[in-house]
C-alpha atoms as a PDB file:
ATOM      1  CA  MET A   1      97.217  62.917 197.225  1.00  0.00           C
ATOM      2  CA  PHE A   2      94.815  65.138 198.273  1.00  0.00           C
ATOM      3  CA  ASP A   3      94.373  64.359 202.216  1.00  0.00           C
ATOM      4  CA  SER A   4      90.816  66.217 202.588  1.00  0.00           C
ATOM      5  CA  ASN A   5      90.320  67.744 206.177  1.00  0.00           C
ATOM      6  CA  LEU A   6      86.452  66.931 207.261  1.00  0.00           C
ATOM      7  CA  ASN A   7      86.896  69.787 210.166  1.00  0.00           C
ATOM      8  CA  ARG A   8      86.953  72.802 207.688  1.00  0.00           C
ATOM      9  CA  ILE A   9      84.215  74.293 205.941  1.00  0.00           C
ATOM     10  CA  ALA A  10      83.990  77.421 203.205  1.00  0.00           C
ATOM     11  CA  HIS A  11      81.247  80.456 203.937  1.00  0.00           C
ATOM     12  CA  CYS A  12      80.984  82.047 200.959  1.00  0.00           C
ATOM     13  CA  THR A  13      81.658  85.982 200.931  1.00  0.00           C
ATOM     14  CA  GLU A  14      81.740  87.715 198.018  1.00  0.00           C
ATOM     15  CA  ILE A  15      81.261  86.755 194.226  1.00  0.00           C
ATOM     16  CA  LYS A  16      83.015  89.436 191.628  1.00  0.00           C
ATOM     17  CA  GLU A  17      82.889  89.536 188.096  1.00  0.00           C
ATOM     18  CA  LEU A  18      86.288  88.808 187.236  1.00  0.00           C
ATOM     19  CA  THR A  19      86.551  91.145 183.713  1.00  0.00           C
ATOM     20  CA  LYS A  20      85.177  93.857 186.018  1.00  0.00           C
ATOM     21  CA  VAL A  21      87.418  93.770 188.347  1.00  0.00           C
ATOM     22  CA  LEU A  22      90.354  93.130 186.082  1.00  0.00           C
ATOM     23  CA  SER A  23      89.825  95.669 183.775  1.00  0.00           C
ATOM     24  CA  GLU A  24      89.362  98.679 186.366  1.00  0.00           C
ATOM     25  CA  GLN A  25      92.460  97.467 188.435  1.00  0.00           C
ATOM     26  CA  SER A  26      96.012  97.310 186.875  1.00  0.00           C
ATOM     27  CA  SER A  27      96.771  93.942 189.629  1.00  0.00           C
ATOM     28  CA  LEU A  28      94.376  92.647 192.211  1.00  0.00           C
ATOM     29  CA  GLN A  29      96.025  91.340 195.806  1.00  0.00           C
ATOM     30  CA  LEU A  30      93.396  88.620 197.443  1.00  0.00           C
ATOM     31  CA  ASP A  31      92.270  89.327 200.884  1.00  0.00           C
ATOM     32  CA  HIS A  32      90.453  85.939 200.787  1.00  0.00           C
ATOM     33  CA  THR A  33      91.221  82.654 199.254  1.00  0.00           C
ATOM     34  CA  SER A  34      88.707  82.339 196.035  1.00  0.00           C
ATOM     35  CA  LEU A  35      88.098  80.505 193.724  1.00  0.00           C
ATOM     36  CA  LEU A  36      88.315  81.521 190.292  1.00  0.00           C
ATOM     37  CA  LEU A  37      85.651  80.166 187.672  1.00  0.00           C
ATOM     38  CA  VAL A  38      86.716  81.057 183.779  1.00  0.00           C
ATOM     39  CA  THR A  39      82.539  80.602 182.298  1.00  0.00           C
ATOM     40  CA  ASP A  40      83.764  81.800 178.450  1.00  0.00           C
ATOM     41  CA  GLY A  41      86.620  82.574 176.780  1.00  0.00           C
ATOM     42  CA  GLN A  42      89.936  82.873 177.357  1.00  0.00           C
ATOM     43  CA  ALA A  43      92.612  85.046 179.000  1.00  0.00           C
ATOM     44  CA  SER A  44      96.628  85.372 179.822  1.00  0.00           C
ATOM     45  CA  LEU A  45      96.634  86.074 183.917  1.00  0.00           C
ATOM     46  CA  SER A  46     100.083  86.568 185.975  1.00  0.00           C
ATOM     47  CA  ILE A  47      99.698  84.805 189.254  1.00  0.00           C
ATOM     48  CA  ASN A  48     102.176  85.781 191.548  1.00  0.00           C
ATOM     49  CA  GLY A  49     104.302  86.026 189.189  1.00  0.00           C
ATOM     50  CA  HIS A  50     103.510  82.857 187.180  1.00  0.00           C
ATOM     51  CA  GLU A  51     101.932  83.249 183.766  1.00  0.00           C
ATOM     52  CA  GLU A  52      98.545  80.726 183.587  1.00  0.00           C
ATOM     53  CA  HIS A  53      96.699  81.111 180.429  1.00  0.00           C
ATOM     54  CA  ILE A  54      92.897  80.229 181.268  1.00  0.00           C
ATOM     55  CA  THR A  55      89.952  78.971 179.728  1.00  0.00           C
ATOM     56  CA  PHE A  56      86.895  78.465 179.291  1.00  0.00           C
ATOM     57  CA  GLY A  57      85.842  75.993 182.457  1.00  0.00           C
ATOM     58  CA  HIS A  58      88.965  76.481 184.160  1.00  0.00           C
ATOM     59  CA  VAL A  59      88.505  76.381 188.057  1.00  0.00           C
ATOM     60  CA  MET A  60      91.671  77.548 190.207  1.00  0.00           C
ATOM     61  CA  VAL A  61      91.719  78.248 193.890  1.00  0.00           C
ATOM     62  CA  ILE A  62      94.171  80.925 194.722  1.00  0.00           C
ATOM     63  CA  GLU A  63      95.253  81.705 198.417  1.00  0.00           C
ATOM     64  CA  MET A  64      94.817  84.874 200.446  1.00  0.00           C
ATOM     65  CA  GLY A  65      97.135  87.524 199.278  1.00  0.00           C
ATOM     66  CA  SER A  66      97.699  86.450 195.818  1.00  0.00           C
ATOM     67  CA  VAL A  67      98.485  89.246 193.251  1.00  0.00           C
ATOM     68  CA  ILE A  68      96.621  88.751 189.662  1.00  0.00           C
ATOM     69  CA  GLN A  69      97.883  90.765 186.612  1.00  0.00           C
ATOM     70  CA  LEU A  70      95.588  90.585 183.367  1.00  0.00           C
ATOM     71  CA  SER A  71      98.581  89.783 181.287  1.00  0.00           C
ATOM     72  CA  HIS A  72      97.612  91.658 177.743  1.00  0.00           C
ATOM     73  CA  SER A  73      94.769  94.161 179.094  1.00  0.00           C
ATOM     74  CA  TYR A  74      94.007  94.860 175.105  1.00  0.00           C
ATOM     75  CA  HIS A  75      92.210  91.792 175.036  1.00  0.00           C
ATOM     76  CA  LEU A  76      89.077  91.380 177.479  1.00  0.00           C
ATOM     77  CA  ASP A  77      87.579  87.956 176.001  1.00  0.00           C
ATOM     78  CA  PHE A  78      86.744  86.173 178.894  1.00  0.00           C
ATOM     79  CA  SER A  79      84.255  86.446 181.733  1.00  0.00           C
ATOM     80  CA  GLY A  80      83.908  84.592 184.557  1.00  0.00           C
ATOM     81  CA  TYR A  81      83.840  84.868 188.756  1.00  0.00           C
ATOM     82  CA  PHE A  82      86.066  85.290 191.770  1.00  0.00           C
ATOM     83  CA  VAL A  83      84.477  83.498 194.775  1.00  0.00           C
ATOM     84  CA  ASN A  84      85.718  84.891 197.858  1.00  0.00           C
ATOM     85  CA  PHE A  85      85.070  82.691 200.898  1.00  0.00           C
ATOM     86  CA  HIS A  86      86.469  82.355 204.861  1.00  0.00           C
ATOM     87  CA  MET A  87      87.843  79.009 205.933  1.00  0.00           C
ATOM     88  CA  TYR A  88      86.425  77.767 209.388  1.00  0.00           C
ATOM     89  CA  ASP A  89      88.031  75.004 211.524  1.00  0.00           C
ATOM     90  CA  THR A  90      85.177  73.308 213.064  1.00  0.00           C
ATOM     91  CA  ALA A  91      87.694  70.914 215.284  1.00  0.00           C
ATOM     92  CA  MET A  92      87.676  74.021 217.834  1.00  0.00           C
ATOM     93  CA  ASN A  93      84.451  74.856 219.601  1.00  0.00           C
ATOM     94  CA  SER A  94      84.077  78.121 217.942  1.00  0.00           C
ATOM     95  CA  ARG A  95      83.699  79.849 214.498  1.00  0.00           C
ATOM     96  CA  ARG A  96      87.740  80.203 214.402  1.00  0.00           C
ATOM     97  CA  LEU A  97      88.310  81.561 211.041  1.00  0.00           C
ATOM     98  CA  PHE A  98      91.290  79.205 209.554  1.00  0.00           C
ATOM     99  CA  LEU A  99      93.643  82.088 207.569  1.00  0.00           C
ATOM    100  CA  HIS A 100      96.316  79.781 206.878  1.00  0.00           C
ATOM    101  CA  ASN A 101      96.673  77.862 203.441  1.00  0.00           C
ATOM    102  CA  LEU A 102      94.362  75.430 202.412  1.00  0.00           C
ATOM    103  CA  ASN A 103      97.323  72.505 202.702  1.00  0.00           C
ATOM    104  CA  PRO A 104      96.432  70.548 206.093  1.00  0.00           C
END
């Protein structure tokens, strides 16, 4: 069961083109928690060593520090975006960045 925490907000910091990033680098380690949004096609990715087949319409939250690799670099029949964001804990009386995992 999902336990929502209303004391957290997300601030978008960057949007990267998924195909461009994965075709330029053999692997990518995320500096921020990110949403991965696939807008067209399909591909196989290795995310922290686990194979994932992604297709049009998939949305995934990937935690900061995760390593992503394109499993079949010869086939770039997909497009999408990484949406990077910072999580903030608003229960504190400051703008303290929440850098832990997404689980409360």
